[in-house]
Each structure stands twice: as C-alpha cells, then as structure tokens.
Amino acid sequence: MTLDSTSIEKYYYGAPQGRSQQLDINLSGDSDKLYQGLLSSPVYLSSLGARIMDACPDIGLVSFNHWHEGGIPVGFFPDNTARTFQWVDLAEGPHTRTVSGEGGMNVMQYEWGYYFSP
C-alpha cells in the first residue's frame, strides 16, 4: 500500500475539497482470478473504499491495482458516498481535459468519477 498526496490534484478535476490523499492498494496473484472476483464487484470495492475513507478522513481516493493489469479507483463524493469510477477512453472527451503540467508538459486530467486504466 502507498499513500500519495499529489495524484488527485494532478490527474483529476472536480474532486471534493479536503480529501487530498490517495491510497493505492497493490494486489498480487492471478490477474484473471482478481478480475473475475474482487475487481469485478463495484459494490464490494465501494464498500471497502467507504470503510477506509470513513476511518481516514483525508483519503479521497482508494485505488485497487494489479501491477500488470491496471486498477479500479473508488472515490469519495460530496453526498458522503464512495463509488467506483467509470472507465473512459484515453482520448479527450466529455470527461477529460489536457492541462499544462510541470515543465510545460501536458497532463491528461479526468473529471472526478472517471478514469482510464489499460
């Protein structure tokens, strides 16, 4: 597990204020079994994320990741719920935007509640 205080601000827009920490939970094991079990259950992931965010009020995003297959984020929303984000294509669209980042490098940002993972 890792705690990150820069990713939410860097990669998302419209995130709730006061919850700037992202907790990454890195899973290991057979990716097929992980995606057919744990990672295929948005209700269970939301429940786990909600319990973590309830205990740690600075955490706004919990990401359940597999080292090879990407991951699924669960975010805190202003209505005091935790929900899995919806996958969107990498290209710019209604839920993405490009902003200038450090050193003039462009960074793709996702609207809070949306993500891209390979």
PDB file of N, CA and C in Angstrom:
ATOM      1  N   MET A   1       0.843  -1.169   0.000  1.00  0.00           N
ATOM      2  CA  MET A   1       0.000   0.000   0.000  1.00  0.00           C
ATOM      3  C   MET A   1       0.891   1.236   0.000  1.00  0.00           C
ATOM      4  N   THR A   2       0.449   2.234  -0.731  1.00  0.00           N
ATOM      5  CA  THR A   2       1.160   3.508  -0.732  1.00  0.00           C
ATOM      6  C   THR A   2       0.146   4.641  -0.589  1.00  0.00           C
ATOM      7  N   LEU A   3       0.583   5.701   0.046  1.00  0.00           N
ATOM      8  CA  LEU A   3      -0.230   6.890   0.235  1.00  0.00           C
ATOM      9  C   LEU A   3       0.376   8.000  -0.608  1.00  0.00           C
ATOM     10  N   ASP A   4      -0.449   8.668  -1.392  1.00  0.00           N
ATOM     11  CA  ASP A   4       0.025   9.675  -2.339  1.00  0.00           C
ATOM     12  C   ASP A   4      -0.776  10.958  -2.124  1.00  0.00           C
ATOM     13  N   SER A   5      -0.082  12.078  -2.005  1.00  0.00           N
ATOM     14  CA  SER A   5      -0.776  13.349  -1.790  1.00  0.00           C
ATOM     15  C   SER A   5      -0.748  14.269  -3.009  1.00  0.00           C
ATOM     16  N   THR A   6      -0.282  13.774  -4.157  1.00  0.00           N
ATOM     17  CA  THR A   6      -0.198  14.632  -5.342  1.00  0.00           C
ATOM     18  C   THR A   6      -1.073  14.172  -6.509  1.00  0.00           C
ATOM     19  N   SER A   7      -1.434  12.918  -6.576  1.00  0.00           N
ATOM     20  CA  SER A   7      -2.119  12.382  -7.761  1.00  0.00           C
ATOM     21  C   SER A   7      -3.511  12.941  -7.978  1.00  0.00           C
ATOM     22  N   ILE A   8      -4.274  13.126  -6.914  1.00  0.00           N
ATOM     23  CA  ILE A   8      -5.646  13.614  -7.092  1.00  0.00           C
ATOM     24  C   ILE A   8      -5.627  14.976  -7.764  1.00  0.00           C
ATOM     25  N   GLU A   9      -4.847  15.888  -7.233  1.00  0.00           N
ATOM     26  CA  GLU A   9      -4.785  17.241  -7.800  1.00  0.00           C
ATOM     27  C   GLU A   9      -4.202  17.238  -9.209  1.00  0.00           C
ATOM     28  N   LYS A  10      -3.245  16.356  -9.448  1.00  0.00           N
ATOM     29  CA  LYS A  10      -2.570  16.325 -10.743  1.00  0.00           C
ATOM     30  C   LYS A  10      -3.428  15.693 -11.841  1.00  0.00           C
ATOM     31  N   TYR A  11      -4.147  14.608 -11.520  1.00  0.00           N
ATOM     32  CA  TYR A  11      -4.822  13.833 -12.556  1.00  0.00           C
ATOM     33  C   TYR A  11      -6.345  13.961 -12.588  1.00  0.00           C
ATOM     34  N   TYR A  12      -6.935  14.703 -11.647  1.00  0.00           N
ATOM     35  CA  TYR A  12      -8.396  14.828 -11.605  1.00  0.00           C
ATOM     36  C   TYR A  12      -8.811  16.277 -11.436  1.00  0.00           C
ATOM     37  N   TYR A  13      -9.967  16.593 -11.961  1.00  0.00           N
ATOM     38  CA  TYR A  13     -10.577  17.890 -11.684  1.00  0.00           C
ATOM     39  C   TYR A  13     -11.981  17.643 -11.139  1.00  0.00           C
ATOM     40  N   GLY A  14     -12.421  18.558 -10.284  1.00  0.00           N
ATOM     41  CA  GLY A  14     -13.747  18.427  -9.673  1.00  0.00           C
ATOM     42  C   GLY A  14     -13.758  17.525  -8.455  1.00  0.00           C
ATOM     43  N   ALA A  15     -12.583  17.221  -7.892  1.00  0.00           N
ATOM     44  CA  ALA A  15     -12.507  16.370  -6.706  1.00  0.00           C
ATOM     45  C   ALA A  15     -13.031  17.123  -5.487  1.00  0.00           C
ATOM     46  N   PRO A  16     -13.609  16.405  -4.528  1.00  0.00           N
ATOM     47  CA  PRO A  16     -14.096  17.078  -3.318  1.00  0.00           C
ATOM     48  C   PRO A  16     -12.944  17.681  -2.517  1.00  0.00           C
ATOM     49  N   GLN A  17     -13.194  18.830  -1.925  1.00  0.00           N
ATOM     50  CA  GLN A  17     -12.180  19.523  -1.133  1.00  0.00           C
ATOM     51  C   GLN A  17     -11.942  18.777   0.192  1.00  0.00           C
ATOM     52  N   GLY A  18     -10.712  18.888   0.687  1.00  0.00           N
ATOM     53  CA  GLY A  18     -10.391  18.341   1.997  1.00  0.00           C
ATOM     54  C   GLY A  18     -10.043  16.869   2.022  1.00  0.00           C
ATOM     55  N   ARG A  19     -10.037  16.222   0.874  1.00  0.00           N
ATOM     56  CA  ARG A  19      -9.683  14.795   0.796  1.00  0.00           C
ATOM     57  C   ARG A  19      -8.627  14.628  -0.284  1.00  0.00           C
ATOM     58  N   SER A  20      -7.433  15.041   0.029  1.00  0.00           N
ATOM     59  CA  SER A  20      -6.368  15.121  -0.976  1.00  0.00           C
ATOM     60  C   SER A  20      -5.477  13.880  -1.054  1.00  0.00           C
ATOM     61  N   GLN A  21      -5.701  12.916  -0.194  1.00  0.00           N
ATOM     62  CA  GLN A  21      -4.845  11.726  -0.173  1.00  0.00           C
ATOM     63  C   GLN A  21      -5.432  10.596  -1.029  1.00  0.00           C
ATOM     64  N   GLN A  22      -4.536   9.901  -1.722  1.00  0.00           N
ATOM     65  CA  GLN A  22      -4.915   8.716  -2.490  1.00  0.00           C
ATOM     66  C   GLN A  22      -4.200   7.527  -1.884  1.00  0.00           C
ATOM     67  N   LEU A  23      -4.948   6.469  -1.600  1.00  0.00           N
ATOM     68  CA  LEU A  23      -4.379   5.233  -1.090  1.00  0.00           C
ATOM     69  C   LEU A  23      -4.394   4.213  -2.221  1.00  0.00           C
ATOM     70  N   ASP A  24      -3.210   3.732  -2.593  1.00  0.00           N
ATOM     71  CA  ASP A  24      -3.096   2.689  -3.614  1.00  0.00           C
ATOM     72  C   ASP A  24      -2.881   1.357  -2.923  1.00  0.00           C
ATOM     73  N   ILE A  25      -3.767   0.417  -3.182  1.00  0.00           N
ATOM     74  CA  ILE A  25      -3.642  -0.938  -2.651  1.00  0.00           C
ATOM     75  C   ILE A  25      -3.231  -1.816  -3.819  1.00  0.00           C
ATOM     76  N   ASN A  26      -2.006  -2.289  -3.776  1.00  0.00           N
ATOM     77  CA  ASN A  26      -1.454  -3.078  -4.876  1.00  0.00           C
ATOM     78  C   ASN A  26      -1.667  -4.557  -4.605  1.00  0.00           C
ATOM     79  N   LEU A  27      -2.436  -5.185  -5.481  1.00  0.00           N
ATOM     80  CA  LEU A  27      -2.806  -6.583  -5.336  1.00  0.00           C
ATOM     81  C   LEU A  27      -1.853  -7.457  -6.126  1.00  0.00           C
ATOM     82  N   SER A  28      -1.690  -8.678  -5.685  1.00  0.00           N
ATOM     83  CA  SER A  28      -0.869  -9.624  -6.441  1.00  0.00           C
ATOM     84  C   SER A  28      -1.655 -10.911  -6.613  1.00  0.00           C
ATOM     85  N   GLY A  29      -1.174 -11.735  -7.500  1.00  0.00           N
ATOM     86  CA  GLY A  29      -1.839 -13.001  -7.760  1.00  0.00           C
ATOM     87  C   GLY A  29      -2.293 -13.083  -9.203  1.00  0.00           C
ATOM     88  N   ASP A  30      -3.031 -14.104  -9.493  1.00  0.00           N
ATOM     89  CA  ASP A  30      -3.536 -14.370 -10.838  1.00  0.00           C
ATOM     90  C   ASP A  30      -4.509 -13.263 -11.251  1.00  0.00           C
ATOM     91  N   SER A  31      -4.155 -12.515 -12.289  1.00  0.00           N
ATOM     92  CA  SER A  31      -4.991 -11.382 -12.697  1.00  0.00           C
ATOM     93  C   SER A  31      -6.379 -11.830 -13.140  1.00  0.00           C
ATOM     94  N   ASP A  32      -6.494 -12.995 -13.770  1.00  0.00           N
ATOM     95  CA  ASP A  32      -7.813 -13.479 -14.180  1.00  0.00           C
ATOM     96  C   ASP A  32      -8.712 -13.684 -12.964  1.00  0.00           C
ATOM     97  N   LYS A  33      -8.171 -14.281 -11.924  1.00  0.00           N
ATOM     98  CA  LYS A  33      -8.968 -14.517 -10.709  1.00  0.00           C
ATOM     99  C   LYS A  33      -9.303 -13.200 -10.014  1.00  0.00           C
ATOM    100  N   LEU A  34      -8.365 -12.257  -9.997  1.00  0.00           N
ATOM    101  CA  LEU A  34      -8.642 -10.967  -9.371  1.00  0.00           C
ATOM    102  C   LEU A  34      -9.757 -10.236 -10.104  1.00  0.00           C
ATOM    103  N   TYR A  35      -9.726 -10.245 -11.444  1.00  0.00           N
ATOM    104  CA  TYR A  35     -10.735  -9.531 -12.210  1.00  0.00           C
ATOM    105  C   TYR A  35     -12.073 -10.263 -12.253  1.00  0.00           C
ATOM    106  N   GLN A  36     -12.078 -11.558 -12.064  1.00  0.00           N
ATOM    107  CA  GLN A  36     -13.334 -12.299 -12.005  1.00  0.00           C
ATOM    108  C   GLN A  36     -13.931 -12.269 -10.600  1.00  0.00           C
ATOM    109  N   GLY A  37     -13.127 -11.934  -9.613  1.00  0.00           N
ATOM    110  CA  GLY A  37     -13.590 -11.892  -8.230  1.00  0.00           C
ATOM    111  C   GLY A  37     -13.656 -10.482  -7.706  1.00  0.00           C
ATOM    112  N   LEU A  38     -12.665 -10.119  -6.923  1.00  0.00           N
ATOM    113  CA  LEU A  38     -12.638  -8.830  -6.227  1.00  0.00           C
ATOM    114  C   LEU A  38     -12.873  -7.635  -7.145  1.00  0.00           C
ATOM    115  N   LEU A  39     -12.132  -7.538  -8.233  1.00  0.00           N
ATOM    116  CA  LEU A  39     -12.189  -6.349  -9.080  1.00  0.00           C
ATOM    117  C   LEU A  39     -13.423  -6.288  -9.978  1.00  0.00           C
ATOM    118  N   SER A  40     -14.229  -7.344  -9.991  1.00  0.00           N
ATOM    119  CA  SER A  40     -15.453  -7.325 -10.800  1.00  0.00           C
ATOM    120  C   SER A  40     -16.676  -6.966  -9.961  1.00  0.00           C
ATOM    121  N   SER A  41     -16.455  -6.583  -8.723  1.00  0.00           N
ATOM    122  CA  SER A  41     -17.569  -6.266  -7.837  1.00  0.00           C
ATOM    123  C   SER A  41     -17.524  -4.811  -7.389  1.00  0.00           C
ATOM    124  N   PRO A  42     -18.158  -3.895  -8.141  1.00  0.00           N
ATOM    125  CA  PRO A  42     -18.129  -2.486  -7.755  1.00  0.00           C
ATOM    126  C   PRO A  42     -18.778  -2.229  -6.401  1.00  0.00           C
ATOM    127  N   VAL A  43     -19.781  -3.011  -6.023  1.00  0.00           N
ATOM    128  CA  VAL A  43     -20.430  -2.814  -4.728  1.00  0.00           C
ATOM    129  C   VAL A  43     -19.458  -3.158  -3.602  1.00  0.00           C
ATOM    130  N   TYR A  44     -18.742  -4.268  -3.744  1.00  0.00           N
ATOM    131  CA  TYR A  44     -17.779  -4.669  -2.720  1.00  0.00           C
ATOM    132  C   TYR A  44     -16.622  -3.678  -2.646  1.00  0.00           C
ATOM    133  N   LEU A  45     -16.081  -3.264  -3.796  1.00  0.00           N
ATOM    134  CA  LEU A  45     -14.991  -2.289  -3.806  1.00  0.00           C
ATOM    135  C   LEU A  45     -15.433  -0.967  -3.187  1.00  0.00           C
ATOM    136  N   SER A  46     -16.643  -0.537  -3.497  1.00  0.00           N
ATOM    137  CA  SER A  46     -17.160   0.706  -2.914  1.00  0.00           C
ATOM    138  C   SER A  46     -17.293   0.579  -1.400  1.00  0.00           C
ATOM    139  N   SER A  47     -17.739  -0.580  -0.944  1.00  0.00           N
ATOM    140  CA  SER A  47     -17.873  -0.814   0.491  1.00  0.00           C
ATOM    141  C   SER A  47     -16.517  -0.778   1.188  1.00  0.00           C
ATOM    142  N   LEU A  48     -15.521  -1.452   0.605  1.00  0.00           N
ATOM    143  CA  LEU A  48     -14.174  -1.415   1.182  1.00  0.00           C
ATOM    144  C   LEU A  48     -13.612   0.002   1.189  1.00  0.00           C
ATOM    145  N   GLY A  49     -13.754   0.700   0.067  1.00  0.00           N
ATOM    146  CA  GLY A  49     -13.275   2.071  -0.026  1.00  0.00           C
ATOM    147  C   GLY A  49     -13.960   2.981   0.984  1.00  0.00           C
ATOM    148  N   ALA A  50     -15.275   2.820   1.152  1.00  0.00           N
ATOM    149  CA  ALA A  50     -16.028   3.641   2.098  1.00  0.00           C
ATOM    150  C   ALA A  50     -15.536   3.429   3.525  1.00  0.00           C
ATOM    151  N   ARG A  51     -15.258   2.191   3.876  1.00  0.00           N
ATOM    152  CA  ARG A  51     -14.771   1.899   5.235  1.00  0.00           C
ATOM    153  C   ARG A  51     -13.413   2.553   5.480  1.00  0.00           C
ATOM    154  N   ILE A  52     -12.559   2.522   4.475  1.00  0.00           N
ATOM    155  CA  ILE A  52     -11.237   3.153   4.592  1.00  0.00           C
ATOM    156  C   ILE A  52     -11.388   4.663   4.711  1.00  0.00           C
ATOM    157  N   MET A  53     -12.205   5.257   3.847  1.00  0.00           N
ATOM    158  CA  MET A  53     -12.375   6.708   3.846  1.00  0.00           C
ATOM    159  C   MET A  53     -13.098   7.199   5.101  1.00  0.00           C
ATOM    160  N   ASP A  54     -13.962   6.370   5.657  1.00  0.00           N
ATOM    161  CA  ASP A  54     -14.632   6.737   6.906  1.00  0.00           C
ATOM    162  C   ASP A  54     -13.624   6.790   8.052  1.00  0.00           C
ATOM    163  N   ALA A  55     -12.684   5.856   8.061  1.00  0.00           N
ATOM    164  CA  ALA A  55     -11.671   5.806   9.120  1.00  0.00           C
ATOM    165  C   ALA A  55     -10.556   6.827   8.914  1.00  0.00           C
ATOM    166  N   CYS A  56     -10.338   7.253   7.676  1.00  0.00           N
ATOM    167  CA  CYS A  56      -9.244   8.178   7.345  1.00  0.00           C
ATOM    168  C   CYS A  56      -9.824   9.344   6.537  1.00  0.00           C
ATOM    169  N   PRO A  57     -10.274  10.407   7.198  1.00  0.00           N
ATOM    170  CA  PRO A  57     -10.985  11.481   6.507  1.00  0.00           C
ATOM    171  C   PRO A  57     -10.164  12.309   5.526  1.00  0.00           C
ATOM    172  N   ASP A  58      -8.847  12.120   5.457  1.00  0.00           N
ATOM    173  CA  ASP A  58      -8.042  12.821   4.455  1.00  0.00           C
ATOM    174  C   ASP A  58      -8.012  12.073   3.122  1.00  0.00           C
ATOM    175  N   ILE A  59      -8.422  10.817   3.127  1.00  0.00           N
ATOM    176  CA  ILE A  59      -8.375   9.999   1.906  1.00  0.00           C
ATOM    177  C   ILE A  59      -9.625  10.249   1.076  1.00  0.00           C
ATOM    178  N   GLY A  60      -9.398  10.613  -0.188  1.00  0.00           N
ATOM    179  CA  GLY A  60     -10.494  10.860  -1.117  1.00  0.00           C
ATOM    180  C   GLY A  60     -10.583   9.829  -2.216  1.00  0.00           C
ATOM    181  N   LEU A  61      -9.543   9.003  -2.355  1.00  0.00           N
ATOM    182  CA  LEU A  61      -9.499   8.015  -3.432  1.00  0.00           C
ATOM    183  C   LEU A  61      -8.747   6.787  -2.953  1.00  0.00           C
ATOM    184  N   VAL A  62      -9.352   5.629  -3.152  1.00  0.00           N
ATOM    185  CA  VAL A  62      -8.699   4.350  -2.885  1.00  0.00           C
ATOM    186  C   VAL A  62      -8.650   3.628  -4.217  1.00  0.00           C
ATOM    187  N   SER A  63      -7.460   3.236  -4.625  1.00  0.00           N
ATOM    188  CA  SER A  63      -7.298   2.560  -5.899  1.00  0.00           C
ATOM    189  C   SER A  63      -6.829   1.134  -5.663  1.00  0.00           C
ATOM    190  N   PHE A  64      -7.607   0.187  -6.153  1.00  0.00           N
ATOM    191  CA  PHE A  64      -7.267  -1.234  -6.052  1.00  0.00           C
ATOM    192  C   PHE A  64      -6.581  -1.609  -7.357  1.00  0.00           C
ATOM    193  N   ASN A  65      -5.284  -1.906  -7.297  1.00  0.00           N
ATOM    194  CA  ASN A  65      -4.468  -2.075  -8.504  1.00  0.00           C
ATOM    195  C   ASN A  65      -3.854  -3.459  -8.600  1.00  0.00           C
ATOM    196  N   HIS A  66      -3.717  -3.918  -9.822  1.00  0.00           N
ATOM    197  CA  HIS A  66      -2.901  -5.094 -10.124  1.00  0.00           C
ATOM    198  C   HIS A  66      -1.706  -4.580 -10.918  1.00  0.00           C
ATOM    199  N   TRP A  67      -0.520  -5.005 -10.550  1.00  0.00           N
ATOM    200  CA  TRP A  67       0.717  -4.469 -11.136  1.00  0.00           C
ATOM    201  C   TRP A  67       0.745  -4.551 -12.656  1.00  0.00           C
ATOM    202  N   HIS A  68       0.074  -5.515 -13.245  1.00  0.00           N
ATOM    203  CA  HIS A  68       0.152  -5.710 -14.690  1.00  0.00           C
ATOM    204  C   HIS A  68      -1.105  -5.233 -15.416  1.00  0.00           C
ATOM    205  N   GLU A  69      -2.225  -5.269 -14.753  1.00  0.00           N
ATOM    206  CA  GLU A  69      -3.494  -5.040 -15.435  1.00  0.00           C
ATOM    207  C   GLU A  69      -4.158  -3.700 -15.121  1.00  0.00           C
ATOM    208  N   GLY A  70      -3.496  -2.831 -14.393  1.00  0.00           N
ATOM    209  CA  GLY A  70      -4.139  -1.570 -14.040  1.00  0.00           C
ATOM    210  C   GLY A  70      -4.993  -1.720 -12.800  1.00  0.00           C
ATOM    211  N   GLY A  71      -5.918  -0.819 -12.597  1.00  0.00           N
ATOM    212  CA  GLY A  71      -6.703  -0.883 -11.378  1.00  0.00           C
ATOM    213  C   GLY A  71      -8.041  -0.191 -11.490  1.00  0.00           C
ATOM    214  N   ILE A  72      -8.760  -0.186 -10.369  1.00  0.00           N
ATOM    215  CA  ILE A  72     -10.080   0.417 -10.300  1.00  0.00           C
ATOM    216  C   ILE A  72     -10.109   1.371  -9.110  1.00  0.00           C
ATOM    217  N   PRO A  73     -10.373   2.661  -9.363  1.00  0.00           N
ATOM    218  CA  PRO A  73     -10.445   3.625  -8.267  1.00  0.00           C
ATOM    219  C   PRO A  73     -11.846   3.720  -7.663  1.00  0.00           C
ATOM    220  N   VAL A  74     -11.865   3.966  -6.364  1.00  0.00           N
ATOM    221  CA  VAL A  74     -13.097   4.235  -5.624  1.00  0.00           C
ATOM    222  C   VAL A  74     -12.918   5.611  -5.003  1.00  0.00           C
ATOM    223  N   GLY A  75     -13.843   6.518  -5.268  1.00  0.00           N
ATOM    224  CA  GLY A  75     -13.703   7.880  -4.786  1.00  0.00           C
ATOM    225  C   GLY A  75     -14.791   8.302  -3.821  1.00  0.00           C
ATOM    226  N   PHE A  76     -14.465   9.315  -3.039  1.00  0.00           N
ATOM    227  CA  PHE A  76     -15.414   9.940  -2.126  1.00  0.00           C
ATOM    228  C   PHE A  76     -16.165  11.023  -2.900  1.00  0.00           C
ATOM    229  N   PHE A  77     -17.480  11.085  -2.706  1.00  0.00           N
ATOM    230  CA  PHE A  77     -18.298  12.072  -3.394  1.00  0.00           C
ATOM    231  C   PHE A  77     -18.973  12.995  -2.388  1.00  0.00           C
ATOM    232  N   PRO A  78     -19.331  14.210  -2.823  1.00  0.00           N
ATOM    233  CA  PRO A  78     -19.896  15.211  -1.914  1.00  0.00           C
ATOM    234  C   PRO A  78     -21.158  14.764  -1.168  1.00  0.00           C
ATOM    235  N   ASP A  79     -21.866  13.750  -1.690  1.00  0.00           N
ATOM    236  CA  ASP A  79     -23.061  13.259  -0.994  1.00  0.00           C
ATOM    237  C   ASP A  79     -22.709  12.220   0.073  1.00  0.00           C
ATOM    238  N   ASN A  80     -21.415  12.191   0.471  1.00  0.00           N
ATOM    239  CA  ASN A  80     -20.897  11.279   1.508  1.00  0.00           C
ATOM    240  C   ASN A  80     -21.005   9.807   1.121  1.00  0.00           C
ATOM    241  N   THR A  81     -20.868   9.520  -0.167  1.00  0.00           N
ATOM    242  CA  THR A  81     -20.833   8.132  -0.628  1.00  0.00           C
ATOM    243  C   THR A  81     -19.468   7.846  -1.248  1.00  0.00           C
ATOM    244  N   ALA A  82     -19.163   6.582  -1.331  1.00  0.00           N
ATOM    245  CA  ALA A  82     -17.966   6.119  -2.037  1.00  0.00           C
ATOM    246  C   ALA A  82     -18.447   5.269  -3.204  1.00  0.00           C
ATOM    247  N   ARG A  83     -17.907   5.577  -4.397  1.00  0.00           N
ATOM    248  CA  ARG A  83     -18.335   4.846  -5.590  1.00  0.00           C
ATOM    249  C   ARG A  83     -17.133   4.532  -6.470  1.00  0.00           C
ATOM    250  N   THR A  84     -17.238   3.418  -7.200  1.00  0.00           N
ATOM    251  CA  THR A  84     -16.202   3.120  -8.183  1.00  0.00           C
ATOM    252  C   THR A  84     -16.330   4.122  -9.317  1.00  0.00           C
ATOM    253  N   PHE A  85     -15.190   4.486  -9.884  1.00  0.00           N
ATOM    254  CA  PHE A  85     -15.167   5.397 -11.015  1.00  0.00           C
ATOM    255  C   PHE A  85     -15.568   4.641 -12.275  1.00  0.00           C
ATOM    256  N   GLN A  86     -16.019   5.393 -13.272  1.00  0.00           N
ATOM    257  CA  GLN A  86     -16.390   4.812 -14.557  1.00  0.00           C
ATOM    258  C   GLN A  86     -15.219   4.941 -15.521  1.00  0.00           C
ATOM    259  N   TRP A  87     -14.959   3.873 -16.262  1.00  0.00           N
ATOM    260  CA  TRP A  87     -13.864   3.848 -17.227  1.00  0.00           C
ATOM    261  C   TRP A  87     -14.243   4.683 -18.446  1.00  0.00           C
ATOM    262  N   VAL A  88     -13.285   5.483 -18.926  1.00  0.00           N
ATOM    263  CA  VAL A  88     -13.461   6.247 -20.166  1.00  0.00           C
ATOM    264  C   VAL A  88     -12.244   6.028 -21.042  1.00  0.00           C
ATOM    265  N   ASP A  89     -12.401   6.290 -22.325  1.00  0.00           N
ATOM    266  CA  ASP A  89     -11.308   6.149 -23.280  1.00  0.00           C
ATOM    267  C   ASP A  89     -10.219   7.168 -22.964  1.00  0.00           C
ATOM    268  N   LEU A  90      -8.999   6.847 -23.373  1.00  0.00           N
ATOM    269  CA  LEU A  90      -7.847   7.708 -23.121  1.00  0.00           C
ATOM    270  C   LEU A  90      -7.943   9.034 -23.870  1.00  0.00           C
ATOM    271  N   ALA A  91      -8.602   9.039 -25.017  1.00  0.00           N
ATOM    272  CA  ALA A  91      -8.697  10.264 -25.826  1.00  0.00           C
ATOM    273  C   ALA A  91      -9.527  11.318 -25.108  1.00  0.00           C
ATOM    274  N   GLU A  92      -9.291  12.577 -25.462  1.00  0.00           N
ATOM    275  CA  GLU A  92     -10.079  13.652 -24.861  1.00  0.00           C
ATOM    276  C   GLU A  92     -11.548  13.481 -25.224  1.00  0.00           C
ATOM    277  N   GLY A  93     -12.386  13.768 -24.290  1.00  0.00           N
ATOM    278  CA  GLY A  93     -13.822  13.651 -24.495  1.00  0.00           C
ATOM    279  C   GLY A  93     -14.543  14.471 -23.453  1.00  0.00           C
ATOM    280  N   PRO A  94     -15.795  14.144 -23.207  1.00  0.00           N
ATOM    281  CA  PRO A  94     -16.565  14.963 -22.273  1.00  0.00           C
ATOM    282  C   PRO A  94     -16.100  14.862 -20.817  1.00  0.00           C
ATOM    283  N   HIS A  95     -15.294  13.862 -20.480  1.00  0.00           N
ATOM    284  CA  HIS A  95     -14.861  13.692 -19.087  1.00  0.00           C
ATOM    285  C   HIS A  95     -13.351  13.813 -18.917  1.00  0.00           C
ATOM    286  N   THR A  96     -12.677  14.369 -19.919  1.00  0.00           N
ATOM    287  CA  THR A  96     -11.227  14.548 -19.837  1.00  0.00           C
ATOM    288  C   THR A  96     -10.848  15.931 -20.333  1.00  0.00           C
ATOM    289  N   ARG A  97      -9.681  16.353 -19.919  1.00  0.00           N
ATOM    290  CA  ARG A  97      -9.130  17.608 -20.428  1.00  0.00           C
ATOM    291  C   ARG A  97      -7.613  17.531 -20.316  1.00  0.00           C
ATOM    292  N   THR A  98      -6.929  18.342 -21.093  1.00  0.00           N
ATOM    293  CA  THR A  98      -5.475  18.413 -21.052  1.00  0.00           C
ATOM    294  C   THR A  98      -5.092  19.754 -20.446  1.00  0.00           C
ATOM    295  N   VAL A  99      -4.181  19.712 -19.472  1.00  0.00           N
ATOM    296  CA  VAL A  99      -3.703  20.933 -18.825  1.00  0.00           C
ATOM    297  C   VAL A  99      -2.184  20.942 -18.884  1.00  0.00           C
ATOM    298  N   SER A 100      -1.623  22.108 -18.745  1.00  0.00           N
ATOM    299  CA  SER A 100      -0.179  22.237 -18.721  1.00  0.00           C
ATOM    300  C   SER A 100       0.324  21.861 -17.335  1.00  0.00           C
ATOM    301  N   GLY A 101       1.269  20.937 -17.302  1.00  0.00           N
ATOM    302  CA  GLY A 101       1.816  20.477 -16.036  1.00  0.00           C
ATOM    303  C   GLY A 101       3.195  21.050 -15.785  1.00  0.00           C
ATOM    304  N   GLU A 102       3.933  20.412 -14.895  1.00  0.00           N
ATOM    305  CA  GLU A 102       5.283  20.845 -14.554  1.00  0.00           C
ATOM    306  C   GLU A 102       6.180  20.826 -15.784  1.00  0.00           C
ATOM    307  N   GLY A 103       7.010  21.851 -15.914  1.00  0.00           N
ATOM    308  CA  GLY A 103       7.952  21.922 -17.020  1.00  0.00           C
ATOM    309  C   GLY A 103       7.295  22.063 -18.378  1.00  0.00           C
ATOM    310  N   GLY A 104       6.033  22.498 -18.406  1.00  0.00           N
ATOM    311  CA  GLY A 104       5.351  22.685 -19.680  1.00  0.00           C
ATOM    312  C   GLY A 104       4.816  21.402 -20.298  1.00  0.00           C
ATOM    313  N   MET A 105       4.947  20.288 -19.608  1.00  0.00           N
ATOM    314  CA  MET A 105       4.434  19.009 -20.117  1.00  0.00           C
ATOM    315  C   MET A 105       2.918  18.966 -19.956  1.00  0.00           C
ATOM    316  N   ASN A 106       2.214  18.545 -20.991  1.00  0.00           N
ATOM    317  CA  ASN A 106       0.767  18.412 -20.916  1.00  0.00           C
ATOM    318  C   ASN A 106       0.396  17.186 -20.089  1.00  0.00           C
ATOM    319  N   VAL A 107      -0.667  17.335 -19.292  1.00  0.00           N
ATOM    320  CA  VAL A 107      -1.150  16.254 -18.437  1.00  0.00           C
ATOM    321  C   VAL A 107      -2.630  16.050 -18.724  1.00  0.00           C
ATOM    322  N   MET A 108      -3.032  14.794 -18.926  1.00  0.00           N
ATOM    323  CA  MET A 108      -4.441  14.464 -19.114  1.00  0.00           C
ATOM    324  C   MET A 108      -5.084  14.393 -17.736  1.00  0.00           C
ATOM    325  N   GLN A 109      -6.159  15.151 -17.554  1.00  0.00           N
ATOM    326  CA  GLN A 109      -6.918  15.096 -16.315  1.00  0.00           C
ATOM    327  C   GLN A 109      -8.288  14.501 -16.608  1.00  0.00           C
ATOM    328  N   TYR A 110      -8.799  13.785 -15.608  1.00  0.00           N
ATOM    329  CA  TYR A 110     -10.114  13.172 -15.710  1.00  0.00           C
ATOM    330  C   TYR A 110     -11.068  13.851 -14.746  1.00  0.00           C
ATOM    331  N   GLU A 111     -12.304  14.008 -15.170  1.00  0.00           N
ATOM    332  CA  GLU A 111     -13.329  14.527 -14.280  1.00  0.00           C
ATOM    333  C   GLU A 111     -13.470  13.551 -13.117  1.00  0.00           C
ATOM    334  N   TRP A 112     -13.685  14.075 -11.907  1.00  0.00           N
ATOM    335  CA  TRP A 112     -13.839  13.219 -10.735  1.00  0.00           C
ATOM    336  C   TRP A 112     -14.973  12.232 -10.998  1.00  0.00           C
ATOM    337  N   GLY A 113     -14.688  10.958 -10.834  1.00  0.00           N
ATOM    338  CA  GLY A 113     -15.662   9.914 -11.090  1.00  0.00           C
ATOM    339  C   GLY A 113     -15.368   9.112 -12.345  1.00  0.00           C
ATOM    340  N   TYR A 114     -14.314   9.512 -13.088  1.00  0.00           N
ATOM    341  CA  TYR A 114     -13.950   8.829 -14.327  1.00  0.00           C
ATOM    342  C   TYR A 114     -12.458   8.524 -14.325  1.00  0.00           C
ATOM    343  N   TYR A 115     -12.051   7.495 -15.048  1.00  0.00           N
ATOM    344  CA  TYR A 115     -10.633   7.124 -15.092  1.00  0.00           C
ATOM    345  C   TYR A 115     -10.331   6.351 -16.363  1.00  0.00           C
ATOM    346  N   PHE A 116      -9.052   6.215 -16.635  1.00  0.00           N
ATOM    347  CA  PHE A 116      -8.581   5.321 -17.696  1.00  0.00           C
ATOM    348  C   PHE A 116      -7.545   4.405 -17.086  1.00  0.00           C
ATOM    349  N   SER A 117      -7.630   3.131 -17.389  1.00  0.00           N
ATOM    350  CA  SER A 117      -6.636   2.149 -16.978  1.00  0.00           C
ATOM    351  C   SER A 117      -6.519   1.151 -18.110  1.00  0.00           C
ATOM    352  N   PRO A 118      -5.288   0.774 -18.456  1.00  0.00           N
ATOM    353  CA  PRO A 118      -5.135  -0.163 -19.585  1.00  0.00           C
ATOM    354  C   PRO A 118      -5.797  -1.502 -19.343  1.00  0.00           C
TER     355      PRO A 118
END
